[in-house]
Protein backbone atom coordinates (compact mmCIF):
# COMPACT_ATOMS: atom_id res chain seq x y z
CA MET A 1 0.05 -0.03 -0.09
CA THR A 2 1.41 3.38 -1.07
CA GLU A 3 1.86 6.23 1.35
CA ALA A 4 -0.57 8.40 -0.47
CA ARG A 5 -3.27 5.59 -0.30
CA SER A 6 -2.53 5.10 3.43
CA GLN A 7 -3.13 8.77 4.00
CA THR A 8 -6.38 8.73 2.03
CA LEU A 9 -7.70 5.80 4.01
CA TRP A 10 -6.66 7.42 7.32
CA ARG A 11 -8.42 10.59 6.29
CA ARG A 12 -11.55 8.78 5.36
CA PHE A 13 -11.61 6.91 8.61
CA LEU A 14 -11.05 10.12 10.65
CA GLU A 15 -14.20 11.56 8.94
CA HIS A 16 -16.26 8.84 10.60
CA ARG A 17 -16.42 10.49 14.01
CA LEU A 18 -18.34 7.63 15.68
CA ALA A 19 -15.84 5.14 14.39
CA VAL A 20 -12.95 7.20 15.85
CA ALA A 21 -14.68 7.60 19.27
CA SER A 22 -15.38 3.83 19.26
CA ALA A 23 -11.71 3.08 18.50
CA LEU A 24 -10.70 5.31 21.37
CA LEU A 25 -13.21 3.80 23.75
CA LEU A 26 -12.03 0.16 22.89
CA ALA A 27 -8.39 1.22 23.38
CA LEU A 28 -9.37 2.74 26.71
CA PHE A 29 -11.09 -0.55 27.79
CA ALA A 30 -8.07 -2.56 26.62
CA LEU A 31 -5.57 -0.41 28.45
CA LEU A 32 -7.61 -0.52 31.74
CA ALA A 33 -7.96 -4.25 31.41
CA LEU A 34 -4.18 -4.68 30.84
CA ALA A 35 -3.52 -2.27 33.78
CA ALA A 36 -5.64 -4.38 36.20
CA PRO A 37 -2.48 -5.89 38.06
CA LEU A 38 -1.11 -2.28 38.41
CA VAL A 39 -4.45 -1.03 39.80
CA GLU A 40 -4.72 -4.02 42.11
CA ALA A 41 -1.14 -3.33 43.49
CA SER A 42 -1.80 0.39 43.84
CA MET A 43 -5.07 -0.24 45.80
CA GLY A 44 -3.41 -2.87 47.97
CA ILE A 45 -6.36 -5.30 47.56
CA ASP A 46 -6.46 -8.82 46.39
CA ALA A 47 -9.11 -9.14 43.60
CA ARG A 48 -10.01 -12.65 44.72
CA GLN A 49 -9.96 -12.08 48.41
CA VAL A 50 -13.45 -12.94 49.88
CA ASP A 51 -14.58 -10.67 52.71
CA LEU A 52 -18.00 -11.83 53.81
CA PHE A 53 -18.20 -9.04 56.48
CA ASN A 54 -17.90 -6.48 53.68
CA ARG A 55 -20.54 -7.73 51.26
CA PHE A 56 -22.40 -5.18 49.07
CA ALA A 57 -20.33 -2.33 50.49
CA ALA A 58 -21.14 1.10 49.04
CA PRO A 59 -18.51 2.89 47.01
CA ASP A 60 -15.91 4.55 49.06
CA ALA A 61 -12.22 5.62 48.83
CA GLN A 62 -10.97 1.94 49.26
CA HIS A 63 -13.53 0.39 46.86
CA PRO A 64 -14.45 3.05 44.24
CA LEU A 65 -17.34 0.91 42.87
CA GLY A 66 -18.13 -0.96 46.00
CA THR A 67 -18.01 -4.69 46.63
CA ASP A 68 -19.87 -7.67 45.28
CA GLU A 69 -21.85 -10.54 47.05
CA ALA A 70 -18.56 -12.05 48.24
CA GLY A 71 -16.90 -8.83 49.43
CA ARG A 72 -14.59 -8.59 46.47
CA ASP A 73 -13.73 -5.23 44.93
CA LEU A 74 -16.05 -4.64 42.04
CA LEU A 75 -13.74 -2.30 40.05
CA LEU A 76 -10.95 -4.99 40.02
CA ARG A 77 -13.43 -7.68 39.01
CA LEU A 78 -14.64 -5.66 36.09
CA LEU A 79 -11.05 -4.95 35.01
CA TYR A 80 -10.07 -8.60 35.16
CA GLY A 81 -13.40 -9.57 33.56
CA GLY A 82 -12.47 -7.14 30.72
CA GLN A 83 -9.21 -9.04 30.08
CA VAL A 84 -11.13 -12.30 29.65
CA SER A 85 -13.98 -10.93 27.58
CA LEU A 86 -11.86 -8.80 25.24
CA PHE A 87 -9.37 -11.66 24.85
CA VAL A 88 -12.11 -14.07 23.88
CA GLY A 89 -13.50 -11.54 21.33
CA LEU A 90 -10.35 -10.55 19.72
CA VAL A 91 -8.64 -13.90 19.56
CA THR A 92 -11.68 -15.81 18.49
CA ALA A 93 -12.33 -13.13 15.81
CA LEU A 94 -8.80 -13.54 14.54
CA ALA A 95 -8.94 -17.36 14.60
CA SER A 96 -12.33 -17.35 12.77
CA ALA A 97 -10.92 -14.92 10.13
CA ALA A 98 -7.90 -17.22 9.59
CA ILE A 99 -10.02 -20.26 9.13
CA GLY A 100 -12.51 -18.42 6.84
CA THR A 101 -9.68 -16.79 4.83
CA ALA A 102 -8.05 -20.18 4.15
CA ILE A 103 -11.27 -21.86 3.04
CA GLY A 104 -12.38 -18.86 0.94
CA LEU A 105 -9.10 -18.58 -0.86
CA ALA A 106 -8.91 -22.23 -1.69
CA ALA A 107 -12.57 -22.28 -2.85
CA GLY A 108 -12.32 -19.08 -4.96
CA TYR A 109 -8.93 -19.78 -6.46
CA HIS A 110 -9.21 -23.43 -7.40
CA GLY A 111 -12.98 -23.46 -8.16
CA GLY A 112 -14.51 -26.69 -9.56
CA ARG A 113 -15.28 -29.56 -7.18
CA LEU A 114 -13.24 -28.14 -4.29
CA ASP A 115 -15.30 -24.94 -4.48
CA ARG A 116 -18.57 -26.82 -4.55
CA PHE A 117 -17.53 -29.03 -1.67
CA LEU A 118 -16.17 -26.19 0.54
CA MET A 119 -19.20 -23.87 -0.17
CA ARG A 120 -21.74 -26.73 0.53
CA PHE A 121 -19.87 -27.45 3.80
CA THR A 122 -20.01 -23.68 4.58
CA ASP A 123 -23.76 -23.66 3.86
CA GLY A 124 -24.22 -26.66 6.24
CA VAL A 125 -22.42 -24.84 9.08
CA ILE A 126 -24.48 -21.73 8.54
CA ALA A 127 -27.70 -23.84 8.53
CA LEU A 128 -26.82 -25.18 12.03
CA PRO A 129 -28.77 -23.49 15.00
CA LEU A 130 -25.93 -21.49 16.49
CA LEU A 131 -26.78 -20.98 20.02
CA PRO A 132 -28.06 -24.53 20.75
CA LEU A 133 -24.97 -25.98 19.03
CA LEU A 134 -22.67 -23.73 21.19
CA ILE A 135 -24.50 -24.81 24.33
CA ILE A 136 -24.15 -28.51 23.48
CA LEU A 137 -20.41 -28.12 22.69
CA ALA A 138 -19.81 -26.02 25.83
CA ALA A 139 -21.49 -28.63 27.98
CA VAL A 140 -19.15 -31.47 26.89
CA ASP A 141 -17.34 -32.92 29.83
CA LEU A 142 -13.60 -32.51 29.05
CA HIS A 143 -12.67 -35.03 31.66
CA LYS A 144 -13.95 -37.76 29.38
CA LEU A 145 -11.86 -36.65 26.46
CA PRO A 146 -8.17 -37.76 25.98
CA LEU A 147 -6.69 -34.56 27.23
CA PRO A 148 -3.96 -33.77 29.71
CA ALA A 149 -5.50 -34.00 33.21
CA ASP A 150 -3.56 -30.94 34.48
CA TRP A 151 -4.77 -28.84 31.53
CA VAL A 152 -8.42 -29.97 32.06
CA ARG A 153 -8.34 -29.02 35.76
CA SER A 154 -6.75 -25.65 35.06
CA GLU A 155 -8.77 -22.42 35.48
CA SER A 156 -8.07 -21.26 31.93
CA VAL A 157 -9.44 -24.33 30.26
CA ASN A 158 -12.92 -22.92 29.90
CA LEU A 159 -11.51 -19.78 28.36
CA TYR A 160 -9.70 -21.71 25.62
CA ARG A 161 -12.61 -24.03 25.11
CA ILE A 162 -14.92 -21.04 24.40
CA VAL A 163 -12.36 -19.69 21.88
CA VAL A 164 -12.12 -22.96 20.01
CA ILE A 165 -15.81 -23.60 20.03
CA ILE A 166 -16.87 -20.25 18.62
CA ALA A 167 -14.03 -20.16 16.15
CA LEU A 168 -15.04 -23.60 14.65
CA VAL A 169 -18.52 -22.13 13.77
CA GLY A 170 -17.78 -18.47 13.32
CA TRP A 171 -15.76 -18.52 10.15
CA THR A 172 -18.52 -18.74 7.53
CA THR A 173 -19.03 -15.05 6.87
CA VAL A 174 -15.40 -14.48 6.21
CA ALA A 175 -15.18 -17.57 3.97
CA ARG A 176 -17.99 -16.38 1.73
CA LEU A 177 -16.57 -12.85 1.55
CA VAL A 178 -13.06 -14.08 0.65
CA ARG A 179 -14.39 -16.58 -1.89
CA GLY A 180 -16.27 -13.78 -3.73
CA ALA A 181 -13.29 -11.48 -3.63
CA THR A 182 -10.94 -14.21 -4.82
CA LEU A 183 -13.16 -15.09 -7.75
CA SER A 184 -12.84 -11.49 -8.88
CA ALA A 185 -9.20 -11.15 -8.13
CA ARG A 186 -8.08 -14.33 -9.92
CA THR A 187 -9.05 -12.85 -13.28
CA ARG A 188 -6.87 -9.68 -12.90
CA GLU A 189 -3.81 -9.15 -14.86
CA TYR A 190 -1.32 -9.40 -11.94
CA VAL A 191 -2.59 -12.80 -11.15
CA ARG A 192 -2.48 -13.95 -14.73
CA ALA A 193 1.10 -12.61 -15.06
CA ALA A 194 2.12 -14.60 -11.90
CA GLN A 195 0.53 -17.72 -13.38
CA ALA A 196 2.34 -17.23 -16.67
CA LEU A 197 5.62 -16.93 -14.81
CA GLY A 198 5.09 -20.33 -13.23
CA ALA A 199 4.38 -19.18 -9.63
CA GLU A 200 2.82 -21.84 -7.27
CA PRO A 201 -0.83 -21.50 -6.51
CA LEU A 202 -0.12 -21.05 -2.69
CA ARG A 203 2.38 -18.27 -3.44
CA ILE A 204 -0.14 -16.58 -5.84
CA MET A 205 -2.91 -16.76 -3.14
CA LEU A 206 -0.77 -15.43 -0.31
CA ARG A 207 1.46 -12.86 -2.12
CA HIS A 208 -0.83 -11.52 -4.88
CA ILE A 209 -4.49 -12.17 -4.09
CA LEU A 210 -4.68 -11.92 -0.21
CA PRO A 211 -3.16 -8.44 0.15
CA ASN A 212 -5.63 -7.15 -2.42
CA ILE A 213 -8.71 -8.56 -0.70
CA ALA A 214 -7.75 -7.73 2.77
CA SER A 215 -10.38 -4.89 3.10
CA PRO A 216 -13.44 -7.11 3.65
CA ILE A 217 -11.46 -9.47 5.94
CA VAL A 218 -10.59 -6.55 8.20
CA VAL A 219 -14.17 -5.26 8.27
CA ALA A 220 -15.74 -8.73 8.91
CA THR A 221 -13.21 -9.46 11.68
CA THR A 222 -13.96 -6.23 13.41
CA LEU A 223 -17.73 -6.77 13.23
CA SER A 224 -17.50 -10.26 14.46
CA ALA A 225 -15.42 -9.40 17.50
CA GLY A 226 -18.46 -7.64 19.07
CA ALA A 227 -20.75 -10.56 18.21
CA ILE A 228 -18.32 -13.03 19.75
CA ILE A 229 -18.09 -11.06 23.04
CA LEU A 230 -21.97 -11.14 23.13
CA LEU A 231 -21.83 -15.04 22.56
CA GLU A 232 -19.31 -15.49 25.29
CA SER A 233 -21.52 -13.41 27.56
CA VAL A 234 -24.56 -15.45 26.74
CA LEU A 235 -22.79 -18.73 27.40
CA SER A 236 -21.27 -17.50 30.66
CA PHE A 237 -24.66 -16.12 31.67
CA LEU A 238 -26.09 -19.63 31.08
CA GLY A 239 -23.36 -21.17 33.15
CA LEU A 240 -21.55 -22.81 30.24
CA GLY A 241 -18.81 -20.29 29.58
CA ILE A 242 -16.09 -18.92 31.64
CA GLN A 243 -16.46 -20.39 35.13
CA PRO A 244 -15.70 -18.67 38.52
CA PRO A 245 -13.36 -17.77 40.05
CA VAL A 246 -12.09 -16.50 36.69
CA PRO A 247 -14.22 -13.37 36.12
CA SER A 248 -15.79 -12.32 32.87
CA TRP A 249 -18.52 -9.80 32.17
CA GLY A 250 -20.92 -12.55 31.31
CA ASN A 251 -20.52 -14.60 34.49
CA MET A 252 -20.58 -11.42 36.59
CA LEU A 253 -24.03 -10.86 35.14
CA THR A 254 -24.95 -14.49 36.05
CA ASN A 255 -23.95 -13.94 39.62
CA ALA A 256 -25.83 -10.65 39.82
CA GLN A 257 -29.21 -11.90 38.35
CA GLU A 258 -30.59 -12.90 41.74
CA LEU A 259 -29.23 -9.82 43.43
CA ILE A 260 -30.60 -7.22 40.99
CA TYR A 261 -32.86 -5.68 43.56
CA ALA A 262 -30.44 -5.88 46.49
CA SER A 263 -27.49 -4.45 44.62
CA PRO A 264 -28.36 -3.38 41.02
CA ARG A 265 -24.92 -2.05 40.32
CA LEU A 266 -23.53 -5.63 40.15
CA ALA A 267 -25.51 -6.17 37.03
CA THR A 268 -25.55 -2.62 35.73
CA TYR A 269 -21.75 -2.19 35.33
CA PRO A 270 -20.94 -5.48 33.42
CA GLY A 271 -24.07 -5.14 31.36
CA LEU A 272 -23.16 -1.61 30.38
CA LEU A 273 -19.58 -2.58 29.46
CA ILE A 274 -20.81 -5.35 27.30
CA PHE A 275 -23.25 -3.04 25.56
CA LEU A 276 -20.62 -0.33 25.03
CA THR A 277 -18.08 -2.82 23.72
CA VAL A 278 -20.27 -4.46 21.24
CA ILE A 279 -21.74 -1.15 19.97
CA ALA A 280 -18.12 0.18 19.68
CA PHE A 281 -16.90 -2.82 17.66
CA ASN A 282 -19.96 -2.41 15.28
CA LEU A 283 -19.31 1.28 14.74
CA LEU A 284 -15.61 0.67 14.27
CA GLY A 285 -16.51 -1.86 11.62
CA ASP A 286 -18.76 0.64 9.87
CA GLY A 287 -15.98 3.25 9.84
CA LEU A 288 -13.45 0.80 8.43
CA GLN A 289 -15.87 -0.26 5.73
CA ASP A 290 -16.43 3.42 4.74
CA ALA A 291 -12.68 4.02 4.65
CA LEU A 292 -11.69 0.95 2.77
CA ASP A 293 -14.71 0.88 0.43
CA PRO A 294 -16.15 4.29 -0.33
CA ARG A 295 -18.84 2.68 -2.46
CA ALA A 296 -20.35 1.09 0.71
CA ARG A 297 -20.88 4.55 2.19
CA ALA A 298 -22.33 5.88 -1.07
CA THR A 299 -24.83 3.07 -1.19
CA ARG A 300 -26.03 3.69 2.38
CA LEU A 301 -26.50 7.41 1.69
CA ARG A 302 -28.72 6.81 -1.26
């Protein structure tokens, strides 16, 4: 990408004020989540320390947002929960994009039987009822699978399981977008020239086609991150996602559902963070789409 084109894309993105504000908000959430250990050290509080004599404490100098039903600091729980929720959203979105890109490139470039097989497989995955499928996969007992016992008993196993489960079914949109873009790109002169020079198909796909179809991949990945955070929250809310004592915004909502009248802030804060994060990812995706593909913005304005 030339410097002039980069400046043009950057200028178009800055014109989308909601997208810029969303990017700044997401960056703020990410920085605060990463700074959770520093905040914990500066406050002199253990985020996991249970204090039943200090349950539902009101906000004060020591606990800026108060405490939860177990006497733990709510601010620190939200920050550590943000680490988990944002990690799941971003890593799963990238993994889904990688799977979808590989399938879409292979289908679009090779065509024929491989294209028909991969697209029928994609249609089959799309036809599956997503939430019931995720609930079934999340409920699988890992102790009955041939996996290392230490890994199965670790606190982070549910985190990685959610990433794998959602990535295995969340790649379909990217695959269809990449296939369509690849079908168009493979007829271009630079691809035909590479073929005439004897370049290998894999090299053509990675060096000549993929950089020129990156725009829809970036937009789709950004938009899917918000949806994935929402899915993780739903699974955690149902008790099938991230399990305590590891906090996530979803399981914090689960713990607060029976305490909504006694202490509404326990549900308000994680619910508001989920809402703002999902909206911010969607607005950021819209801004990137307008910057990378001006025709999309013109179509919406008609």
